[in-house]
Amino acid sequence: MLSKKSEGIMWAIISSFWISIMLCLVRYISEYYNAYIIVFWRLFFSLLLMLPWLIRSGFHVLKTSKLKLFFFRAVIGIIAMLIWFYALVRLPLPQATSLSFTGPIFTTIAAIIFLKERPGIYRISAILVGFTGVLIIVRPGFIDFNLATILVLISTSLWAIAAIIIKKLSATEQPKLITFYMASMMMPIALIFAVFNWQIIELNHVIWLLLIGLTSNFAHNALSKSLSLADVTAIMPYDFIRLVFVGIFAYILFNDQTNIYDILGSLVIITSNIYISYRENKLKKLDLAKVKKIKSLISN
């Protein structure tokens, strides 16, 4: 019988597996269709696959007072997704995956800017160490500049802002409701972009687009399950497995090779992420201890 922590880690690894499959599917289908079309159909099928849940639960579950926040998250999310899918075709998958590990670093920066959190010297140092990992991967001055690397970082930073919004929404809204509103609000925006760059989908490619929607839902659900069972600090070290999966699949399918710089850079970034998560968890525990102490003093 697995402990909650072990089960949470298992679900995190499963999520990494499905994300890796989805990235490979996107990379493959990108040879035939532009990013606007792929994003639209990815959201369409994600939404379609959620309809059984909506019918079973009833439309009353859609009631919310946070529509403006949902819409803002959708706008940020669609821009991030379009940039991310565009960049995936122009970078080796292992390198794009390595750079995407900067997510928690950008989330910390976004929390400082938008949530007015006050960072200490340790968190600032961890952020700087994380960006050292980026420099190891990109190696400016040693390899030719690729705009796609900047686009991946921009996309990741936008996802970080989206994560902050989700953090606020999660206080009152259910995970499936957040996922539903994400897809339902992002899809019409994606359609606007897709209409001006429309391509007819060949019948034999429908299954690939359906699989993109399916695997993205699997990945999201597995991650949600993981986070409900274990702390981020317990899961974070296993995020590196995503690079292992992507490295294997990308090499077999596209002959994309993972170099030593991608591995070293990823390790530096993930180490930074682990420390940031550990530090935040420690500060939360200290805050809770202070609250308990104050309550005990008041009661006495």
C-alpha atoms as a PDB file:
ATOM      1  CA  MET A   1       0.000   0.000   0.000  1.00  0.00           C
ATOM      2  CA  LEU A   2       1.525   3.311  -1.094  1.00  0.00           C
ATOM      3  CA  SER A   3       1.696   6.282   1.247  1.00  0.00           C
ATOM      4  CA  LYS A   4       0.004   9.534   0.167  1.00  0.00           C
ATOM      5  CA  LYS A   5       3.405  11.047  -0.633  1.00  0.00           C
ATOM      6  CA  SER A   6       4.476   8.051  -2.760  1.00  0.00           C
ATOM      7  CA  GLU A   7       1.129   8.046  -4.581  1.00  0.00           C
ATOM      8  CA  GLY A   8       1.493  11.782  -5.230  1.00  0.00           C
ATOM      9  CA  ILE A   9       4.961  11.221  -6.718  1.00  0.00           C
ATOM     10  CA  MET A  10       3.577   8.393  -8.871  1.00  0.00           C
ATOM     11  CA  TRP A  11       0.851  10.674 -10.278  1.00  0.00           C
ATOM     12  CA  ALA A  12       3.454  13.404 -10.936  1.00  0.00           C
ATOM     13  CA  ILE A  13       5.496  10.931 -13.004  1.00  0.00           C
ATOM     14  CA  ILE A  14       2.337   9.870 -14.886  1.00  0.00           C
ATOM     15  CA  SER A  15       1.611  13.555 -15.598  1.00  0.00           C
ATOM     16  CA  SER A  16       5.157  14.013 -16.953  1.00  0.00           C
ATOM     17  CA  PHE A  17       4.640  10.997 -19.215  1.00  0.00           C
ATOM     18  CA  TRP A  18       1.422  12.399 -20.723  1.00  0.00           C
ATOM     19  CA  ILE A  19       2.948  15.872 -21.160  1.00  0.00           C
ATOM     20  CA  SER A  20       5.844  14.277 -23.060  1.00  0.00           C
ATOM     21  CA  ILE A  21       3.449  12.386 -25.331  1.00  0.00           C
ATOM     22  CA  MET A  22       1.446  15.566 -25.968  1.00  0.00           C
ATOM     23  CA  LEU A  23       4.595  17.534 -26.897  1.00  0.00           C
ATOM     24  CA  CYS A  24       5.591  14.851 -29.398  1.00  0.00           C
ATOM     25  CA  LEU A  25       2.092  14.855 -30.907  1.00  0.00           C
ATOM     26  CA  VAL A  26       2.216  18.656 -31.261  1.00  0.00           C
ATOM     27  CA  ARG A  27       5.668  18.448 -32.829  1.00  0.00           C
ATOM     28  CA  TYR A  28       4.464  15.843 -35.352  1.00  0.00           C
ATOM     29  CA  ILE A  29       1.231  17.597 -36.363  1.00  0.00           C
ATOM     30  CA  SER A  30       3.088  20.930 -36.656  1.00  0.00           C
ATOM     31  CA  GLU A  31       4.595  19.606 -39.885  1.00  0.00           C
ATOM     32  CA  TYR A  32       1.128  19.886 -41.449  1.00  0.00           C
ATOM     33  CA  TYR A  33      -0.675  22.746 -39.642  1.00  0.00           C
ATOM     34  CA  ASN A  34       0.185  26.122 -38.133  1.00  0.00           C
ATOM     35  CA  ALA A  35       0.141  26.839 -34.388  1.00  0.00           C
ATOM     36  CA  TYR A  36      -3.224  28.680 -34.561  1.00  0.00           C
ATOM     37  CA  ILE A  37      -5.007  25.630 -35.987  1.00  0.00           C
ATOM     38  CA  ILE A  38      -3.373  23.215 -33.538  1.00  0.00           C
ATOM     39  CA  VAL A  39      -4.220  25.366 -30.510  1.00  0.00           C
ATOM     40  CA  PHE A  40      -7.853  25.734 -31.625  1.00  0.00           C
ATOM     41  CA  TRP A  41      -8.402  22.002 -32.150  1.00  0.00           C
ATOM     42  CA  ARG A  42      -6.490  21.128 -28.980  1.00  0.00           C
ATOM     43  CA  LEU A  43      -8.931  23.308 -26.985  1.00  0.00           C
ATOM     44  CA  PHE A  44     -11.944  22.097 -28.977  1.00  0.00           C
ATOM     45  CA  PHE A  45     -11.253  18.446 -28.199  1.00  0.00           C
ATOM     46  CA  SER A  46     -10.306  19.196 -24.569  1.00  0.00           C
ATOM     47  CA  LEU A  47     -13.693  20.886 -24.157  1.00  0.00           C
ATOM     48  CA  LEU A  48     -15.511  18.103 -26.003  1.00  0.00           C
ATOM     49  CA  LEU A  49     -13.970  15.517 -23.683  1.00  0.00           C
ATOM     50  CA  MET A  50     -15.241  17.469 -20.651  1.00  0.00           C
ATOM     51  CA  LEU A  51     -18.878  17.472 -21.796  1.00  0.00           C
ATOM     52  CA  PRO A  52     -19.715  14.107 -20.124  1.00  0.00           C
ATOM     53  CA  TRP A  53     -18.622  15.625 -16.774  1.00  0.00           C
ATOM     54  CA  LEU A  54     -20.784  18.713 -17.396  1.00  0.00           C
ATOM     55  CA  ILE A  55     -23.861  16.686 -18.416  1.00  0.00           C
ATOM     56  CA  ARG A  56     -23.431  14.345 -15.442  1.00  0.00           C
ATOM     57  CA  SER A  57     -22.896  17.192 -12.927  1.00  0.00           C
ATOM     58  CA  GLY A  58     -25.475  19.606 -14.347  1.00  0.00           C
ATOM     59  CA  PHE A  59     -25.029  23.143 -15.671  1.00  0.00           C
ATOM     60  CA  HIS A  60     -25.432  24.594 -12.169  1.00  0.00           C
ATOM     61  CA  VAL A  61     -21.772  23.657 -11.491  1.00  0.00           C
ATOM     62  CA  LEU A  62     -20.729  26.488 -13.852  1.00  0.00           C
ATOM     63  CA  LYS A  63     -21.975  29.133 -11.428  1.00  0.00           C
ATOM     64  CA  THR A  64     -19.150  31.498 -10.450  1.00  0.00           C
ATOM     65  CA  SER A  65     -18.549  35.099  -9.418  1.00  0.00           C
ATOM     66  CA  LYS A  66     -15.036  35.127 -10.932  1.00  0.00           C
ATOM     67  CA  LEU A  67     -15.803  35.441 -14.659  1.00  0.00           C
ATOM     68  CA  LYS A  68     -13.504  38.465 -15.129  1.00  0.00           C
ATOM     69  CA  LEU A  69     -10.600  36.614 -13.535  1.00  0.00           C
ATOM     70  CA  PHE A  70     -11.363  33.519 -15.633  1.00  0.00           C
ATOM     71  CA  PHE A  71     -11.339  35.659 -18.786  1.00  0.00           C
ATOM     72  CA  PHE A  72      -8.024  37.329 -17.879  1.00  0.00           C
ATOM     73  CA  ARG A  73      -6.524  33.890 -17.273  1.00  0.00           C
ATOM     74  CA  ALA A  74      -7.864  32.739 -20.664  1.00  0.00           C
ATOM     75  CA  VAL A  75      -6.262  35.684 -22.517  1.00  0.00           C
ATOM     76  CA  ILE A  76      -2.897  35.096 -20.816  1.00  0.00           C
ATOM     77  CA  GLY A  77      -3.199  31.348 -21.418  1.00  0.00           C
ATOM     78  CA  ILE A  78      -4.001  31.571 -25.131  1.00  0.00           C
ATOM     79  CA  ILE A  79      -1.059  33.889 -25.824  1.00  0.00           C
ATOM     80  CA  ALA A  80       1.261  31.578 -23.862  1.00  0.00           C
ATOM     81  CA  MET A  81      -0.021  28.487 -25.691  1.00  0.00           C
ATOM     82  CA  LEU A  82       0.289  30.036 -29.162  1.00  0.00           C
ATOM     83  CA  ILE A  83       3.865  31.146 -28.472  1.00  0.00           C
ATOM     84  CA  TRP A  84       4.744  27.760 -26.937  1.00  0.00           C
ATOM     85  CA  PHE A  85       3.366  25.723 -29.861  1.00  0.00           C
ATOM     86  CA  TYR A  86       5.061  28.065 -32.356  1.00  0.00           C
ATOM     87  CA  ALA A  87       8.441  27.647 -30.601  1.00  0.00           C
ATOM     88  CA  LEU A  88       8.176  23.844 -30.309  1.00  0.00           C
ATOM     89  CA  VAL A  89       8.656  23.415 -34.061  1.00  0.00           C
ATOM     90  CA  ARG A  90      11.772  25.602 -34.064  1.00  0.00           C
ATOM     91  CA  LEU A  91      13.676  24.047 -31.156  1.00  0.00           C
ATOM     92  CA  PRO A  92      14.758  20.509 -30.290  1.00  0.00           C
ATOM     93  CA  LEU A  93      12.138  19.163 -27.869  1.00  0.00           C
ATOM     94  CA  PRO A  94      14.676  18.402 -25.089  1.00  0.00           C
ATOM     95  CA  GLN A  95      15.936  22.002 -25.151  1.00  0.00           C
ATOM     96  CA  ALA A  96      12.410  23.464 -25.112  1.00  0.00           C
ATOM     97  CA  THR A  97      11.535  21.162 -22.194  1.00  0.00           C
ATOM     98  CA  SER A  98      14.696  22.165 -20.304  1.00  0.00           C
ATOM     99  CA  LEU A  99      13.838  25.858 -20.656  1.00  0.00           C
ATOM    100  CA  SER A 100      10.251  25.231 -19.527  1.00  0.00           C
ATOM    101  CA  PHE A 101      11.590  24.146 -16.123  1.00  0.00           C
ATOM    102  CA  THR A 102      11.951  27.876 -15.370  1.00  0.00           C
ATOM    103  CA  GLY A 103       8.192  27.980 -14.646  1.00  0.00           C
ATOM    104  CA  PRO A 104       8.493  28.050 -10.819  1.00  0.00           C
ATOM    105  CA  ILE A 105      11.162  30.776 -11.067  1.00  0.00           C
ATOM    106  CA  PHE A 106       8.841  32.980 -13.122  1.00  0.00           C
ATOM    107  CA  THR A 107       5.962  32.114 -10.766  1.00  0.00           C
ATOM    108  CA  THR A 108       8.043  33.404  -7.848  1.00  0.00           C
ATOM    109  CA  ILE A 109       8.811  36.616  -9.772  1.00  0.00           C
ATOM    110  CA  ALA A 110       5.108  36.988 -10.684  1.00  0.00           C
ATOM    111  CA  ALA A 111       4.145  36.520  -7.011  1.00  0.00           C
ATOM    112  CA  ILE A 112       6.576  39.288  -6.045  1.00  0.00           C
ATOM    113  CA  ILE A 113       5.115  41.647  -8.680  1.00  0.00           C
ATOM    114  CA  PHE A 114       1.383  40.827  -8.512  1.00  0.00           C
ATOM    115  CA  LEU A 115       0.897  39.461  -4.983  1.00  0.00           C
ATOM    116  CA  LYS A 116       3.325  41.966  -3.424  1.00  0.00           C
ATOM    117  CA  GLU A 117       5.299  39.188  -1.743  1.00  0.00           C
ATOM    118  CA  ARG A 118       8.569  40.366  -0.195  1.00  0.00           C
ATOM    119  CA  PRO A 119      11.462  38.140  -1.281  1.00  0.00           C
ATOM    120  CA  GLY A 120      14.397  37.446   1.011  1.00  0.00           C
ATOM    121  CA  ILE A 121      18.025  37.121  -0.007  1.00  0.00           C
ATOM    122  CA  TYR A 122      17.668  33.320  -0.265  1.00  0.00           C
ATOM    123  CA  ARG A 123      14.815  33.446  -2.777  1.00  0.00           C
ATOM    124  CA  ILE A 124      16.573  36.119  -4.844  1.00  0.00           C
ATOM    125  CA  SER A 125      19.736  33.975  -4.850  1.00  0.00           C
ATOM    126  CA  ALA A 126      17.718  30.915  -5.940  1.00  0.00           C
ATOM    127  CA  ILE A 127      16.189  32.898  -8.827  1.00  0.00           C
ATOM    128  CA  LEU A 128      19.658  34.013  -9.974  1.00  0.00           C
ATOM    129  CA  VAL A 129      20.930  30.426  -9.770  1.00  0.00           C
ATOM    130  CA  GLY A 130      17.947  29.322 -11.875  1.00  0.00           C
ATOM    131  CA  PHE A 131      18.767  31.816 -14.600  1.00  0.00           C
ATOM    132  CA  THR A 132      22.369  30.562 -14.544  1.00  0.00           C
ATOM    133  CA  GLY A 133      20.864  27.230 -15.621  1.00  0.00           C
ATOM    134  CA  VAL A 134      19.166  29.011 -18.534  1.00  0.00           C
ATOM    135  CA  LEU A 135      22.539  30.438 -19.625  1.00  0.00           C
ATOM    136  CA  ILE A 136      24.048  26.934 -19.533  1.00  0.00           C
ATOM    137  CA  ILE A 137      21.305  25.676 -21.878  1.00  0.00           C
ATOM    138  CA  VAL A 138      21.282  28.672 -24.249  1.00  0.00           C
ATOM    139  CA  ARG A 139      25.077  29.290 -24.188  1.00  0.00           C
ATOM    140  CA  PRO A 140      24.961  32.830 -25.593  1.00  0.00           C
ATOM    141  CA  GLY A 141      28.060  33.624 -27.644  1.00  0.00           C
ATOM    142  CA  PHE A 142      28.886  29.941 -28.137  1.00  0.00           C
ATOM    143  CA  ILE A 143      25.975  28.840 -30.332  1.00  0.00           C
ATOM    144  CA  ASP A 144      23.850  30.755 -32.852  1.00  0.00           C
ATOM    145  CA  PHE A 145      21.033  32.815 -31.357  1.00  0.00           C
ATOM    146  CA  ASN A 146      17.597  31.256 -31.822  1.00  0.00           C
ATOM    147  CA  LEU A 147      14.524  33.451 -31.327  1.00  0.00           C
ATOM    148  CA  ALA A 148      12.572  30.340 -30.294  1.00  0.00           C
ATOM    149  CA  THR A 149      14.532  30.138 -27.005  1.00  0.00           C
ATOM    150  CA  ILE A 150      13.322  33.636 -26.078  1.00  0.00           C
ATOM    151  CA  LEU A 151       9.779  32.674 -27.109  1.00  0.00           C
ATOM    152  CA  VAL A 152       9.845  29.618 -24.811  1.00  0.00           C
ATOM    153  CA  LEU A 153      10.929  31.820 -21.892  1.00  0.00           C
ATOM    154  CA  ILE A 154       8.209  34.390 -22.717  1.00  0.00           C
ATOM    155  CA  SER A 155       5.626  31.601 -22.899  1.00  0.00           C
ATOM    156  CA  THR A 156       6.839  30.137 -19.594  1.00  0.00           C
ATOM    157  CA  SER A 157       6.678  33.550 -17.898  1.00  0.00           C
ATOM    158  CA  LEU A 158       3.077  33.992 -19.130  1.00  0.00           C
ATOM    159  CA  TRP A 159       2.188  30.543 -17.781  1.00  0.00           C
ATOM    160  CA  ALA A 160       3.637  31.726 -14.465  1.00  0.00           C
ATOM    161  CA  ILE A 161       1.174  34.648 -14.402  1.00  0.00           C
ATOM    162  CA  ALA A 162      -1.610  32.191 -15.296  1.00  0.00           C
ATOM    163  CA  ALA A 163      -0.484  29.984 -12.383  1.00  0.00           C
ATOM    164  CA  ILE A 164      -0.837  32.922  -9.982  1.00  0.00           C
ATOM    165  CA  ILE A 165      -4.398  33.491 -11.259  1.00  0.00           C
ATOM    166  CA  ILE A 166      -5.196  29.778 -10.838  1.00  0.00           C
ATOM    167  CA  LYS A 167      -3.821  29.985  -7.301  1.00  0.00           C
ATOM    168  CA  LYS A 168      -6.354  32.756  -6.560  1.00  0.00           C
ATOM    169  CA  LEU A 169      -9.207  30.898  -8.289  1.00  0.00           C
ATOM    170  CA  SER A 170      -8.418  27.629  -6.482  1.00  0.00           C
ATOM    171  CA  ALA A 171      -9.352  29.229  -3.169  1.00  0.00           C
ATOM    172  CA  THR A 172     -13.048  29.187  -4.168  1.00  0.00           C
ATOM    173  CA  GLU A 173     -13.393  27.205  -7.426  1.00  0.00           C
ATOM    174  CA  GLN A 174     -13.162  23.471  -8.185  1.00  0.00           C
ATOM    175  CA  PRO A 175     -10.271  22.195 -10.406  1.00  0.00           C
ATOM    176  CA  LYS A 176     -12.619  20.811 -13.099  1.00  0.00           C
ATOM    177  CA  LEU A 177     -14.486  24.127 -13.252  1.00  0.00           C
ATOM    178  CA  ILE A 178     -11.184  25.974 -13.737  1.00  0.00           C
ATOM    179  CA  THR A 179     -10.214  23.551 -16.529  1.00  0.00           C
ATOM    180  CA  PHE A 180     -13.633  23.897 -18.196  1.00  0.00           C
ATOM    181  CA  TYR A 181     -13.610  27.702 -18.159  1.00  0.00           C
ATOM    182  CA  MET A 182     -10.018  27.702 -19.380  1.00  0.00           C
ATOM    183  CA  ALA A 183     -10.928  25.658 -22.471  1.00  0.00           C
ATOM    184  CA  SER A 184     -14.333  27.302 -23.105  1.00  0.00           C
ATOM    185  CA  MET A 185     -12.962  30.866 -22.916  1.00  0.00           C
ATOM    186  CA  MET A 186      -9.680  30.195 -24.705  1.00  0.00           C
ATOM    187  CA  MET A 187     -11.310  28.365 -27.614  1.00  0.00           C
ATOM    188  CA  PRO A 188     -13.246  31.378 -29.070  1.00  0.00           C
ATOM    189  CA  ILE A 189     -10.081  33.521 -28.813  1.00  0.00           C
ATOM    190  CA  ALA A 190      -8.113  30.759 -30.551  1.00  0.00           C
ATOM    191  CA  LEU A 191     -10.803  30.598 -33.252  1.00  0.00           C
ATOM    192  CA  ILE A 192     -10.291  34.304 -34.071  1.00  0.00           C
ATOM    193  CA  PHE A 193      -6.595  33.638 -34.770  1.00  0.00           C
ATOM    194  CA  ALA A 194      -7.342  30.362 -36.573  1.00  0.00           C
ATOM    195  CA  VAL A 195      -9.956  31.856 -38.941  1.00  0.00           C
ATOM    196  CA  PHE A 196      -7.362  34.189 -40.469  1.00  0.00           C
ATOM    197  CA  ASN A 197      -4.895  31.314 -40.856  1.00  0.00           C
ATOM    198  CA  TRP A 198      -7.373  28.531 -41.594  1.00  0.00           C
ATOM    199  CA  GLN A 199      -6.313  25.151 -42.919  1.00  0.00           C
ATOM    200  CA  ILE A 200      -8.620  22.254 -43.763  1.00  0.00           C
ATOM    201  CA  ILE A 201      -7.955  19.277 -41.494  1.00  0.00           C
ATOM    202  CA  GLU A 202      -7.366  16.007 -43.314  1.00  0.00           C
ATOM    203  CA  LEU A 203      -9.473  13.148 -41.989  1.00  0.00           C
ATOM    204  CA  ASN A 204      -6.448  11.015 -41.047  1.00  0.00           C
ATOM    205  CA  HIS A 205      -5.121  13.870 -38.852  1.00  0.00           C
ATOM    206  CA  VAL A 206      -8.288  14.227 -36.743  1.00  0.00           C
ATOM    207  CA  ILE A 207      -7.167  11.378 -34.479  1.00  0.00           C
ATOM    208  CA  TRP A 208      -3.843  13.142 -33.798  1.00  0.00           C
ATOM    209  CA  LEU A 209      -5.597  16.371 -32.781  1.00  0.00           C
ATOM    210  CA  LEU A 210      -8.030  14.392 -30.621  1.00  0.00           C
ATOM    211  CA  LEU A 211      -5.056  12.702 -28.929  1.00  0.00           C
ATOM    212  CA  ILE A 212      -3.490  16.106 -28.193  1.00  0.00           C
ATOM    213  CA  GLY A 213      -6.670  17.142 -26.379  1.00  0.00           C
ATOM    214  CA  LEU A 214      -6.917  13.773 -24.625  1.00  0.00           C
ATOM    215  CA  THR A 215      -3.288  13.657 -23.430  1.00  0.00           C
ATOM    216  CA  SER A 216      -3.412  17.276 -22.218  1.00  0.00           C
ATOM    217  CA  ASN A 217      -6.512  16.409 -20.134  1.00  0.00           C
ATOM    218  CA  PHE A 218      -4.787  13.272 -18.794  1.00  0.00           C
ATOM    219  CA  ALA A 219      -1.701  15.314 -17.855  1.00  0.00           C
ATOM    220  CA  HIS A 220      -3.740  18.031 -16.130  1.00  0.00           C
ATOM    221  CA  ASN A 221      -5.859  15.530 -14.177  1.00  0.00           C
ATOM    222  CA  ALA A 222      -2.799  13.514 -13.101  1.00  0.00           C
ATOM    223  CA  LEU A 223      -1.032  16.673 -11.918  1.00  0.00           C
ATOM    224  CA  SER A 224      -4.127  17.805  -9.973  1.00  0.00           C
ATOM    225  CA  LYS A 225      -4.310  14.353  -8.360  1.00  0.00           C
ATOM    226  CA  SER A 226      -0.605  14.530  -7.525  1.00  0.00           C
ATOM    227  CA  LEU A 227      -0.879  17.947  -5.875  1.00  0.00           C
ATOM    228  CA  SER A 228      -3.865  16.791  -3.819  1.00  0.00           C
ATOM    229  CA  LEU A 229      -1.790  13.955  -2.343  1.00  0.00           C
ATOM    230  CA  ALA A 230       1.678  15.463  -1.838  1.00  0.00           C
ATOM    231  CA  ASP A 231       3.384  18.806  -1.295  1.00  0.00           C
ATOM    232  CA  VAL A 232       5.086  20.567  -4.194  1.00  0.00           C
ATOM    233  CA  THR A 233       8.426  20.137  -2.382  1.00  0.00           C
ATOM    234  CA  ALA A 234       7.979  16.346  -2.525  1.00  0.00           C
ATOM    235  CA  ILE A 235       6.995  16.329  -6.202  1.00  0.00           C
ATOM    236  CA  MET A 236       9.461  18.898  -7.582  1.00  0.00           C
ATOM    237  CA  PRO A 237      12.590  16.650  -7.672  1.00  0.00           C
ATOM    238  CA  TYR A 238      10.729  14.235  -9.953  1.00  0.00           C
ATOM    239  CA  ASP A 239       9.939  16.947 -12.514  1.00  0.00           C
ATOM    240  CA  PHE A 240      13.276  16.076 -14.144  1.00  0.00           C
ATOM    241  CA  ILE A 241      11.724  12.797 -15.351  1.00  0.00           C
ATOM    242  CA  ARG A 242       9.836  14.882 -17.923  1.00  0.00           C
ATOM    243  CA  LEU A 243      13.173  15.582 -19.665  1.00  0.00           C
ATOM    244  CA  VAL A 244      13.963  11.843 -19.615  1.00  0.00           C
ATOM    245  CA  PHE A 245      10.636  10.967 -21.277  1.00  0.00           C
ATOM    246  CA  VAL A 246      10.932  13.789 -23.828  1.00  0.00           C
ATOM    247  CA  GLY A 247      14.567  12.875 -24.526  1.00  0.00           C
ATOM    248  CA  ILE A 248      13.681   9.244 -25.283  1.00  0.00           C
ATOM    249  CA  PHE A 249      10.560   9.970 -27.366  1.00  0.00           C
ATOM    250  CA  ALA A 250      12.122  12.892 -29.273  1.00  0.00           C
ATOM    251  CA  TYR A 251      15.211  10.845 -30.146  1.00  0.00           C
ATOM    252  CA  ILE A 252      13.174   7.869 -31.399  1.00  0.00           C
ATOM    253  CA  LEU A 253      10.603   9.929 -33.323  1.00  0.00           C
ATOM    254  CA  PHE A 254      12.506  13.028 -34.499  1.00  0.00           C
ATOM    255  CA  ASN A 255      16.194  12.245 -33.897  1.00  0.00           C
ATOM    256  CA  ASP A 256      16.345  15.209 -31.459  1.00  0.00           C
ATOM    257  CA  GLN A 257      19.327  14.652 -29.200  1.00  0.00           C
ATOM    258  CA  THR A 258      19.614  15.728 -25.567  1.00  0.00           C
ATOM    259  CA  ASN A 259      23.042  17.287 -25.018  1.00  0.00           C
ATOM    260  CA  ILE A 260      25.010  17.592 -21.780  1.00  0.00           C
ATOM    261  CA  TYR A 261      24.228  21.328 -21.546  1.00  0.00           C
ATOM    262  CA  ASP A 262      20.461  20.667 -21.543  1.00  0.00           C
ATOM    263  CA  ILE A 263      20.916  18.137 -18.736  1.00  0.00           C
ATOM    264  CA  LEU A 264      23.251  20.321 -16.630  1.00  0.00           C
ATOM    265  CA  GLY A 265      21.124  23.438 -17.147  1.00  0.00           C
ATOM    266  CA  SER A 266      17.951  21.541 -16.218  1.00  0.00           C
ATOM    267  CA  LEU A 267      19.570  20.193 -13.044  1.00  0.00           C
ATOM    268  CA  VAL A 268      20.614  23.714 -12.004  1.00  0.00           C
ATOM    269  CA  ILE A 269      17.111  25.105 -12.708  1.00  0.00           C
ATOM    270  CA  ILE A 270      15.326  22.244 -10.917  1.00  0.00           C
ATOM    271  CA  THR A 271      17.674  22.547  -7.912  1.00  0.00           C
ATOM    272  CA  SER A 272      16.724  26.232  -7.774  1.00  0.00           C
ATOM    273  CA  ASN A 273      13.022  25.286  -8.033  1.00  0.00           C
ATOM    274  CA  ILE A 274      13.326  22.754  -5.209  1.00  0.00           C
ATOM    275  CA  TYR A 275      14.968  25.328  -2.953  1.00  0.00           C
ATOM    276  CA  ILE A 276      12.328  27.975  -3.760  1.00  0.00           C
ATOM    277  CA  SER A 277       9.538  25.467  -2.966  1.00  0.00           C
ATOM    278  CA  TYR A 278      11.298  24.337   0.223  1.00  0.00           C
ATOM    279  CA  ARG A 279      11.776  27.951   1.337  1.00  0.00           C
ATOM    280  CA  GLU A 280       8.125  28.877   0.651  1.00  0.00           C
ATOM    281  CA  ASN A 281       6.920  25.776   2.516  1.00  0.00           C
ATOM    282  CA  LYS A 282       9.162  26.615   5.483  1.00  0.00           C
ATOM    283  CA  LEU A 283       7.892  30.213   5.604  1.00  0.00           C
ATOM    284  CA  LYS A 284       4.263  29.006   5.537  1.00  0.00           C
ATOM    285  CA  LYS A 285       4.958  26.702   8.495  1.00  0.00           C
ATOM    286  CA  LEU A 286       6.583  29.586  10.401  1.00  0.00           C
ATOM    287  CA  ASP A 287       3.547  31.799   9.699  1.00  0.00           C
ATOM    288  CA  LEU A 288       1.184  29.069  10.946  1.00  0.00           C
ATOM    289  CA  ALA A 289       3.291  28.629  14.078  1.00  0.00           C
ATOM    290  CA  LYS A 290       3.105  32.390  14.743  1.00  0.00           C
ATOM    291  CA  VAL A 291      -0.687  32.378  14.303  1.00  0.00           C
ATOM    292  CA  LYS A 292      -1.052  29.451  16.740  1.00  0.00           C
ATOM    293  CA  LYS A 293       1.188  31.195  19.265  1.00  0.00           C
ATOM    294  CA  ILE A 294      -0.842  34.422  19.065  1.00  0.00           C
ATOM    295  CA  LYS A 295      -4.112  32.464  19.445  1.00  0.00           C
ATOM    296  CA  SER A 296      -2.776  30.656  22.519  1.00  0.00           C
ATOM    297  CA  LEU A 297      -1.660  33.970  24.072  1.00  0.00           C
ATOM    298  CA  ILE A 298      -5.098  35.512  23.422  1.00  0.00           C
ATOM    299  CA  SER A 299      -6.924  32.509  24.891  1.00  0.00           C
ATOM    300  CA  ASN A 300      -4.762  32.693  28.015  1.00  0.00           C
END
